[in-house]
Amino acid sequence: MGRALIALIVTLVLGLLGTAFGYDAMNGYSEIGSIVAVAVMGAFIIYFNENNK
């Protein structure tokens, strides 16, 4: 349960930072936040699955 909460918090924070960066630095491309969030969560899934073996 602890790893899931850490993954959730990190994904939310990086998704929000990606949205802010995309909106400000990339002239309104705020969708980059959801792309970053999906990529981070995918990385967490792969990392946690490989650690369990």
C-alpha atoms as a PDB file:
ATOM      1  CA  MET A   1       0.000   0.000   0.000  1.00  0.00           C
ATOM      2  CA  GLY A   2       2.874   2.369   0.733  1.00  0.00           C
ATOM      3  CA  ARG A   3       4.366   1.972  -2.735  1.00  0.00           C
ATOM      4  CA  ALA A   4       0.997   2.717  -4.326  1.00  0.00           C
ATOM      5  CA  LEU A   5       0.643   5.967  -2.395  1.00  0.00           C
ATOM      6  CA  ILE A   6       4.165   7.038  -3.332  1.00  0.00           C
ATOM      7  CA  ALA A   7       3.445   6.257  -7.001  1.00  0.00           C
ATOM      8  CA  LEU A   8       0.173   8.201  -6.822  1.00  0.00           C
ATOM      9  CA  ILE A   9       1.760  11.279  -5.265  1.00  0.00           C
ATOM     10  CA  VAL A  10       4.744  11.304  -7.626  1.00  0.00           C
ATOM     11  CA  THR A  11       2.469  10.844 -10.642  1.00  0.00           C
ATOM     12  CA  LEU A  12       0.167  13.670  -9.563  1.00  0.00           C
ATOM     13  CA  VAL A  13       3.028  16.056  -8.893  1.00  0.00           C
ATOM     14  CA  LEU A  14       4.832  15.316 -12.159  1.00  0.00           C
ATOM     15  CA  GLY A  15       1.559  15.487 -14.093  1.00  0.00           C
ATOM     16  CA  LEU A  16       0.806  18.915 -12.658  1.00  0.00           C
ATOM     17  CA  LEU A  17       4.349  20.111 -13.329  1.00  0.00           C
ATOM     18  CA  GLY A  18       4.112  18.804 -16.888  1.00  0.00           C
ATOM     19  CA  THR A  19       0.823  20.626 -17.377  1.00  0.00           C
ATOM     20  CA  ALA A  20       2.273  23.881 -16.051  1.00  0.00           C
ATOM     21  CA  PHE A  21       5.390  23.500 -18.199  1.00  0.00           C
ATOM     22  CA  GLY A  22       3.374  22.681 -21.304  1.00  0.00           C
ATOM     23  CA  TYR A  23       0.997  25.567 -20.789  1.00  0.00           C
ATOM     24  CA  ASP A  24       3.693  28.135 -20.055  1.00  0.00           C
ATOM     25  CA  ALA A  25       6.761  27.118 -22.057  1.00  0.00           C
ATOM     26  CA  MET A  26       5.091  25.365 -24.989  1.00  0.00           C
ATOM     27  CA  ASN A  27       2.399  27.959 -25.735  1.00  0.00           C
ATOM     28  CA  GLY A  28      -0.670  26.211 -24.369  1.00  0.00           C
ATOM     29  CA  TYR A  29       0.266  22.566 -24.909  1.00  0.00           C
ATOM     30  CA  SER A  30      -1.056  21.504 -21.504  1.00  0.00           C
ATOM     31  CA  GLU A  31      -1.742  17.936 -22.671  1.00  0.00           C
ATOM     32  CA  ILE A  32       1.917  17.137 -22.023  1.00  0.00           C
ATOM     33  CA  GLY A  33       0.980  16.770 -18.333  1.00  0.00           C
ATOM     34  CA  SER A  34      -1.199  13.734 -18.990  1.00  0.00           C
ATOM     35  CA  ILE A  35       1.483  12.245 -21.231  1.00  0.00           C
ATOM     36  CA  VAL A  36       4.062  12.663 -18.456  1.00  0.00           C
ATOM     37  CA  ALA A  37       1.691  11.168 -15.866  1.00  0.00           C
ATOM     38  CA  VAL A  38       1.017   8.064 -17.980  1.00  0.00           C
ATOM     39  CA  ALA A  39       4.737   7.606 -18.684  1.00  0.00           C
ATOM     40  CA  VAL A  40       5.650   7.911 -14.993  1.00  0.00           C
ATOM     41  CA  MET A  41       2.966   5.443 -13.912  1.00  0.00           C
ATOM     42  CA  GLY A  42       4.086   3.000 -16.614  1.00  0.00           C
ATOM     43  CA  ALA A  43       7.641   3.255 -15.332  1.00  0.00           C
ATOM     44  CA  PHE A  44       6.460   2.582 -11.771  1.00  0.00           C
ATOM     45  CA  ILE A  45       4.506  -0.492 -12.894  1.00  0.00           C
ATOM     46  CA  ILE A  46       7.514  -1.940 -14.701  1.00  0.00           C
ATOM     47  CA  TYR A  47       9.858  -1.134 -11.796  1.00  0.00           C
ATOM     48  CA  PHE A  48       7.594  -2.652  -9.133  1.00  0.00           C
ATOM     49  CA  ASN A  49       6.932  -5.791 -11.199  1.00  0.00           C
ATOM     50  CA  GLU A  50      10.640  -6.428 -11.748  1.00  0.00           C
ATOM     51  CA  ASN A  51      11.427  -5.934  -8.051  1.00  0.00           C
ATOM     52  CA  ASN A  52       8.900  -8.602  -7.009  1.00  0.00           C
ATOM     53  CA  LYS A  53      10.691 -11.361  -8.927  1.00  0.00           C
END
